[in-house]
C-alpha atoms as a PDB file:
ATOM      1  CA  UNK A   1       7.346  19.758  20.645  1.00  0.00           C
ATOM      2  CA  UNK A   2      10.088  17.191  20.326  1.00  0.00           C
ATOM      3  CA  UNK A   3      12.711  16.819  18.081  1.00  0.00           C
ATOM      4  CA  UNK A   4      14.077  14.275  15.529  1.00  0.00           C
ATOM      5  CA  UNK A   5      17.598  13.651  15.951  1.00  0.00           C
ATOM      6  CA  UNK A   6      19.740  12.237  13.141  1.00  0.00           C
ATOM      7  CA  UNK A   7      23.494  11.503  12.062  1.00  0.00           C
ATOM      8  CA  UNK A   8      22.813  11.217   8.605  1.00  0.00           C
ATOM      9  CA  UNK A   9      24.041   9.456   5.416  1.00  0.00           C
ATOM     10  CA  UNK A  10      25.620   6.998   3.280  1.00  0.00           C
ATOM     11  CA  UNK A  11      26.908   7.212  -0.649  1.00  0.00           C
ATOM     12  CA  UNK A  12      25.528   4.345  -3.042  1.00  0.00           C
ATOM     13  CA  UNK A  13      25.895   4.112  -6.651  1.00  0.00           C
ATOM     14  CA  UNK A  14      24.026   6.316  -8.996  1.00  0.00           C
ATOM     15  CA  UNK A  15      20.673   6.117  -9.049  1.00  0.00           C
ATOM     16  CA  UNK A  16      18.668   6.263 -12.222  1.00  0.00           C
ATOM     17  CA  UNK A  17      15.696   8.800 -12.704  1.00  0.00           C
ATOM     18  CA  UNK A  18      13.641   6.524 -14.884  1.00  0.00           C
ATOM     19  CA  UNK A  19       9.774   6.740 -13.913  1.00  0.00           C
ATOM     20  CA  UNK A  20       9.983   9.945 -12.278  1.00  0.00           C
ATOM     21  CA  UNK A  21       7.550  12.716 -13.475  1.00  0.00           C
ATOM     22  CA  UNK A  22       9.066  15.583 -15.646  1.00  0.00           C
ATOM     23  CA  UNK A  23       9.381  18.114 -12.693  1.00  0.00           C
ATOM     24  CA  UNK A  24       7.988  18.864  -9.352  1.00  0.00           C
ATOM     25  CA  UNK A  25       7.259  22.148  -7.656  1.00  0.00           C
ATOM     26  CA  UNK A  26      10.478  23.818  -6.169  1.00  0.00           C
ATOM     27  CA  UNK A  27      11.562  23.499  -2.661  1.00  0.00           C
ATOM     28  CA  UNK A  28      12.307  26.826  -1.350  1.00  0.00           C
ATOM     29  CA  UNK A  29      15.235  26.750   1.462  1.00  0.00           C
ATOM     30  CA  UNK A  30      14.693  29.892   3.672  1.00  0.00           C
ATOM     31  CA  UNK A  31      18.199  30.106   5.552  1.00  0.00           C
ATOM     32  CA  UNK A  32      19.201  31.652   8.693  1.00  0.00           C
ATOM     33  CA  UNK A  33      22.553  31.395  10.260  1.00  0.00           C
ATOM     34  CA  UNK A  34      24.262  32.231  13.791  1.00  0.00           C
ATOM     35  CA  UNK A  35      27.529  33.154  11.683  1.00  0.00           C
ATOM     36  CA  UNK A  36      27.937  33.691   7.941  1.00  0.00           C
ATOM     37  CA  UNK A  37      28.911  30.865   5.757  1.00  0.00           C
ATOM     38  CA  UNK A  38      32.220  31.212   3.901  1.00  0.00           C
ATOM     39  CA  UNK A  39      31.601  32.068   0.254  1.00  0.00           C
ATOM     40  CA  UNK A  40      32.864  28.834  -0.960  1.00  0.00           C
ATOM     41  CA  UNK A  41      30.813  26.723   1.484  1.00  0.00           C
ATOM     42  CA  UNK A  42      27.757  28.594   0.243  1.00  0.00           C
ATOM     43  CA  UNK A  43      28.297  27.896  -3.423  1.00  0.00           C
ATOM     44  CA  UNK A  44      29.215  24.209  -2.620  1.00  0.00           C
ATOM     45  CA  UNK A  45      26.023  23.775  -0.414  1.00  0.00           C
ATOM     46  CA  UNK A  46      23.849  25.284  -3.185  1.00  0.00           C
ATOM     47  CA  UNK A  47      25.340  23.042  -5.885  1.00  0.00           C
ATOM     48  CA  UNK A  48      25.473  19.999  -3.971  1.00  0.00           C
ATOM     49  CA  UNK A  49      21.629  20.251  -2.947  1.00  0.00           C
ATOM     50  CA  UNK A  50      20.802  20.933  -6.437  1.00  0.00           C
ATOM     51  CA  UNK A  51      22.482  17.583  -7.424  1.00  0.00           C
ATOM     52  CA  UNK A  52      20.747  15.592  -4.636  1.00  0.00           C
ATOM     53  CA  UNK A  53      17.531  16.728  -5.068  1.00  0.00           C
ATOM     54  CA  UNK A  54      17.426  16.530  -8.544  1.00  0.00           C
ATOM     55  CA  UNK A  55      17.248  12.818  -7.903  1.00  0.00           C
ATOM     56  CA  UNK A  56      13.547  13.754  -7.080  1.00  0.00           C
ATOM     57  CA  UNK A  57      13.045  16.133  -9.782  1.00  0.00           C
ATOM     58  CA  UNK A  58      13.031  18.999  -7.027  1.00  0.00           C
ATOM     59  CA  UNK A  59      14.608  22.325  -8.134  1.00  0.00           C
ATOM     60  CA  UNK A  60      15.763  24.286  -5.056  1.00  0.00           C
ATOM     61  CA  UNK A  61      15.286  28.084  -4.481  1.00  0.00           C
ATOM     62  CA  UNK A  62      17.111  29.809  -1.962  1.00  0.00           C
ATOM     63  CA  UNK A  63      16.303  32.701   0.273  1.00  0.00           C
ATOM     64  CA  UNK A  64      17.744  34.586   3.409  1.00  0.00           C
ATOM     65  CA  UNK A  65      15.101  34.960   6.278  1.00  0.00           C
ATOM     66  CA  UNK A  66      15.553  38.583   6.102  1.00  0.00           C
ATOM     67  CA  UNK A  67      13.866  38.409   2.663  1.00  0.00           C
ATOM     68  CA  UNK A  68      10.952  36.555   3.563  1.00  0.00           C
ATOM     69  CA  UNK A  69       8.579  39.859   3.805  1.00  0.00           C
ATOM     70  CA  UNK A  70       4.737  40.146   3.558  1.00  0.00           C
ATOM     71  CA  UNK A  71       3.452  38.870   0.353  1.00  0.00           C
ATOM     72  CA  UNK A  72       6.250  36.633  -0.655  1.00  0.00           C
ATOM     73  CA  UNK A  73       5.183  34.020  -2.647  1.00  0.00           C
ATOM     74  CA  UNK A  74       7.074  30.550  -2.190  1.00  0.00           C
ATOM     75  CA  UNK A  75       6.569  26.849  -3.081  1.00  0.00           C
ATOM     76  CA  UNK A  76       7.326  24.123  -0.847  1.00  0.00           C
ATOM     77  CA  UNK A  77       8.965  25.842   2.269  1.00  0.00           C
ATOM     78  CA  UNK A  78      11.705  24.566   4.190  1.00  0.00           C
ATOM     79  CA  UNK A  79      13.277  26.757   7.139  1.00  0.00           C
ATOM     80  CA  UNK A  80      16.871  25.781   8.236  1.00  0.00           C
ATOM     81  CA  UNK A  81      19.023  27.533  10.707  1.00  0.00           C
ATOM     82  CA  UNK A  82      22.668  26.902  10.720  1.00  0.00           C
ATOM     83  CA  UNK A  83      23.857  26.955  14.649  1.00  0.00           C
ATOM     84  CA  UNK A  84      27.412  27.543  15.551  1.00  0.00           C
ATOM     85  CA  UNK A  85      30.448  28.446  13.148  1.00  0.00           C
ATOM     86  CA  UNK A  86      30.223  26.840   9.673  1.00  0.00           C
ATOM     87  CA  UNK A  87      33.625  28.028   8.660  1.00  0.00           C
ATOM     88  CA  UNK A  88      36.061  25.348   8.401  1.00  0.00           C
ATOM     89  CA  UNK A  89      39.292  25.825  10.464  1.00  0.00           C
ATOM     90  CA  UNK A  90      42.566  25.229   8.855  1.00  0.00           C
ATOM     91  CA  UNK A  91      44.197  24.701  12.229  1.00  0.00           C
ATOM     92  CA  UNK A  92      44.284  21.341  14.175  1.00  0.00           C
ATOM     93  CA  UNK A  93      40.753  20.892  15.989  1.00  0.00           C
ATOM     94  CA  UNK A  94      40.044  18.999  18.949  1.00  0.00           C
ATOM     95  CA  UNK A  95      37.467  16.540  17.639  1.00  0.00           C
ATOM     96  CA  UNK A  96      34.510  15.089  18.853  1.00  0.00           C
ATOM     97  CA  UNK A  97      31.835  13.475  16.402  1.00  0.00           C
ATOM     98  CA  UNK A  98      29.471  12.313  19.053  1.00  0.00           C
ATOM     99  CA  UNK A  99      25.799  13.589  19.140  1.00  0.00           C
ATOM    100  CA  UNK A 100      23.450  14.486  16.292  1.00  0.00           C
ATOM    101  CA  UNK A 101      24.652  16.712  13.366  1.00  0.00           C
ATOM    102  CA  UNK A 102      21.135  18.003  12.666  1.00  0.00           C
ATOM    103  CA  UNK A 103      17.498  18.008  14.143  1.00  0.00           C
ATOM    104  CA  UNK A 104      14.177  18.452  12.524  1.00  0.00           C
ATOM    105  CA  UNK A 105      11.286  19.479  14.836  1.00  0.00           C
ATOM    106  CA  UNK A 106       8.122  17.103  15.056  1.00  0.00           C
ATOM    107  CA  UNK A 107       5.078  17.595  16.649  1.00  0.00           C
ATOM    108  CA  UNK A 108       2.287  14.972  17.047  1.00  0.00           C
ATOM    109  CA  UNK A 109       4.151  12.397  15.269  1.00  0.00           C
ATOM    110  CA  UNK A 110       4.240  14.829  12.074  1.00  0.00           C
ATOM    111  CA  UNK A 111       7.840  15.888  10.752  1.00  0.00           C
ATOM    112  CA  UNK A 112       7.495  19.788  10.416  1.00  0.00           C
ATOM    113  CA  UNK A 113       9.718  21.730   7.714  1.00  0.00           C
ATOM    114  CA  UNK A 114      11.680  23.404  10.106  1.00  0.00           C
ATOM    115  CA  UNK A 115      15.591  21.994  10.581  1.00  0.00           C
ATOM    116  CA  UNK A 116      18.488  23.178  12.795  1.00  0.00           C
ATOM    117  CA  UNK A 117      21.719  22.053  11.493  1.00  0.00           C
ATOM    118  CA  UNK A 118      24.689  22.015  14.124  1.00  0.00           C
ATOM    119  CA  UNK A 119      27.670  23.477  12.022  1.00  0.00           C
ATOM    120  CA  UNK A 120      30.345  22.717  14.775  1.00  0.00           C
ATOM    121  CA  UNK A 121      29.087  18.950  14.768  1.00  0.00           C
ATOM    122  CA  UNK A 122      29.174  18.686  11.063  1.00  0.00           C
ATOM    123  CA  UNK A 123      32.611  20.626  10.840  1.00  0.00           C
ATOM    124  CA  UNK A 124      34.327  18.019  13.348  1.00  0.00           C
ATOM    125  CA  UNK A 125      33.130  15.150  11.359  1.00  0.00           C
ATOM    126  CA  UNK A 126      34.076  16.686   8.072  1.00  0.00           C
ATOM    127  CA  UNK A 127      37.391  17.920   9.207  1.00  0.00           C
ATOM    128  CA  UNK A 128      38.488  14.409  10.841  1.00  0.00           C
ATOM    129  CA  UNK A 129      38.438  13.027   7.308  1.00  0.00           C
ATOM    130  CA  UNK A 130      40.480  15.529   5.598  1.00  0.00           C
ATOM    131  CA  UNK A 131      43.917  14.942   4.482  1.00  0.00           C
ATOM    132  CA  UNK A 132      46.696  16.696   2.541  1.00  0.00           C
ATOM    133  CA  UNK A 133      45.266  18.896   0.000  1.00  0.00           C
ATOM    134  CA  UNK A 134      41.828  18.746   1.321  1.00  0.00           C
ATOM    135  CA  UNK A 135      42.361  21.069   4.180  1.00  0.00           C
ATOM    136  CA  UNK A 136      43.217  23.851   1.950  1.00  0.00           C
ATOM    137  CA  UNK A 137      39.431  23.192   0.364  1.00  0.00           C
ATOM    138  CA  UNK A 138      38.096  23.019   3.703  1.00  0.00           C
ATOM    139  CA  UNK A 139      35.267  25.491   3.105  1.00  0.00           C
ATOM    140  CA  UNK A 140      34.223  23.866  -0.190  1.00  0.00           C
ATOM    141  CA  UNK A 141      33.923  20.249   1.625  1.00  0.00           C
ATOM    142  CA  UNK A 142      32.322  22.010   4.804  1.00  0.00           C
ATOM    143  CA  UNK A 143      29.444  23.322   2.022  1.00  0.00           C
ATOM    144  CA  UNK A 144      29.227  19.674   0.736  1.00  0.00           C
ATOM    145  CA  UNK A 145      28.793  18.134   4.033  1.00  0.00           C
ATOM    146  CA  UNK A 146      26.155  20.864   5.197  1.00  0.00           C
ATOM    147  CA  UNK A 147      24.365  19.986   1.956  1.00  0.00           C
ATOM    148  CA  UNK A 148      24.293  16.103   2.480  1.00  0.00           C
ATOM    149  CA  UNK A 149      23.030  16.809   6.324  1.00  0.00           C
ATOM    150  CA  UNK A 150      20.363  19.196   5.086  1.00  0.00           C
ATOM    151  CA  UNK A 151      19.416  17.082   2.047  1.00  0.00           C
ATOM    152  CA  UNK A 152      18.596  14.249   4.611  1.00  0.00           C
ATOM    153  CA  UNK A 153      16.277  16.289   6.872  1.00  0.00           C
ATOM    154  CA  UNK A 154      14.474  17.606   3.608  1.00  0.00           C
ATOM    155  CA  UNK A 155      13.927  13.953   3.060  1.00  0.00           C
ATOM    156  CA  UNK A 156      12.493  13.481   6.437  1.00  0.00           C
ATOM    157  CA  UNK A 157      10.162  16.164   5.683  1.00  0.00           C
ATOM    158  CA  UNK A 158       8.954  15.000   2.366  1.00  0.00           C
ATOM    159  CA  UNK A 159       8.706  11.644   3.366  1.00  0.00           C
ATOM    160  CA  UNK A 160       6.963  12.456   6.575  1.00  0.00           C
ATOM    161  CA  UNK A 161       8.971   9.603   8.336  1.00  0.00           C
ATOM    162  CA  UNK A 162      11.111   9.174  11.535  1.00  0.00           C
ATOM    163  CA  UNK A 163      12.506   6.051   9.823  1.00  0.00           C
ATOM    164  CA  UNK A 164      15.634   5.705   7.779  1.00  0.00           C
ATOM    165  CA  UNK A 165      16.708   3.948   4.583  1.00  0.00           C
ATOM    166  CA  UNK A 166      19.242   1.078   4.657  1.00  0.00           C
ATOM    167  CA  UNK A 167      21.408   3.053   2.077  1.00  0.00           C
ATOM    168  CA  UNK A 168      22.010   6.150   0.602  1.00  0.00           C
ATOM    169  CA  UNK A 169      21.397   9.708   1.693  1.00  0.00           C
ATOM    170  CA  UNK A 170      18.646   8.609   3.858  1.00  0.00           C
ATOM    171  CA  UNK A 171      20.824   6.263   5.971  1.00  0.00           C
ATOM    172  CA  UNK A 172      20.922   7.007   9.719  1.00  0.00           C
ATOM    173  CA  UNK A 173      24.557   7.760   9.967  1.00  0.00           C
ATOM    174  CA  UNK A 174      27.924   8.124   7.722  1.00  0.00           C
ATOM    175  CA  UNK A 175      31.180   9.060   8.697  1.00  0.00           C
ATOM    176  CA  UNK A 176      33.111  11.981   8.028  1.00  0.00           C
ATOM    177  CA  UNK A 177      34.844  10.471   4.892  1.00  0.00           C
ATOM    178  CA  UNK A 178      31.479   9.892   3.539  1.00  0.00           C
ATOM    179  CA  UNK A 179      30.319  13.784   4.351  1.00  0.00           C
ATOM    180  CA  UNK A 180      33.051  14.832   2.082  1.00  0.00           C
ATOM    181  CA  UNK A 181      33.018  12.186  -0.434  1.00  0.00           C
ATOM    182  CA  UNK A 182      33.179  12.996  -3.984  1.00  0.00           C
ATOM    183  CA  UNK A 183      29.672  11.518  -4.676  1.00  0.00           C
ATOM    184  CA  UNK A 184      26.657  10.468  -2.759  1.00  0.00           C
ATOM    185  CA  UNK A 185      23.106   9.644  -3.795  1.00  0.00           C
ATOM    186  CA  UNK A 186      19.759   8.834  -2.435  1.00  0.00           C
ATOM    187  CA  UNK A 187      18.660   5.255  -3.111  1.00  0.00           C
ATOM    188  CA  UNK A 188      15.730   4.819  -5.400  1.00  0.00           C
ATOM    189  CA  UNK A 189      12.877   4.740  -3.197  1.00  0.00           C
ATOM    190  CA  UNK A 190      13.945   7.315  -1.114  1.00  0.00           C
ATOM    191  CA  UNK A 191      14.429   9.669  -4.193  1.00  0.00           C
ATOM    192  CA  UNK A 192      10.561   8.800  -5.195  1.00  0.00           C
ATOM    193  CA  UNK A 193       9.759  10.205  -1.681  1.00  0.00           C
ATOM    194  CA  UNK A 194      11.290  13.638  -2.411  1.00  0.00           C
ATOM    195  CA  UNK A 195       8.485  14.170  -4.932  1.00  0.00           C
ATOM    196  CA  UNK A 196       6.154  14.942  -1.787  1.00  0.00           C
ATOM    197  CA  UNK A 197       5.155  18.030  -0.275  1.00  0.00           C
ATOM    198  CA  UNK A 198       7.014  19.313   2.650  1.00  0.00           C
ATOM    199  CA  UNK A 199       4.067  21.438   4.493  1.00  0.00           C
ATOM    200  CA  UNK A 200       1.367  19.453   5.751  1.00  0.00           C
END
């Protein structure tokens, strides 16, 4: 098994939903974490993910890994593990933004619905862009950054591609400032690709 490494994202103007079908099956995101996310981060993560996947008319359902027992029925399934410490630190950090923010597993050229988000890398990238009053809202902005990283990975799964878009959430990289910016969108073509099923 090999891995698809990504740095993720860039904000673009709002893309209109014209031409998309009315509604697609929900994407069920099954979450596990090495350390609990702050409540503010989890709330913003879910809100931002809903906004991003709404561009593909994809509702999002959230489940913890321990809720996935025998007989549990879900729609398109995405498994995500948050590795490291996802809580934003208010004290100064030693920043190192090198390396991937997340990776999605692949096999035989197919992108699998299994991702790992590297919280410490996301945290360092987001923290590098925070200033003034933003630091007091660190966990909320951390949740926003995590959502954008994860949305990028889900796009890889639905598009079943190793490539990236030239603009928008599906772009190969973005700065810490873009991770926590007020708005961010998929470009039109990438939004349409969100309508595909994740499992193959």
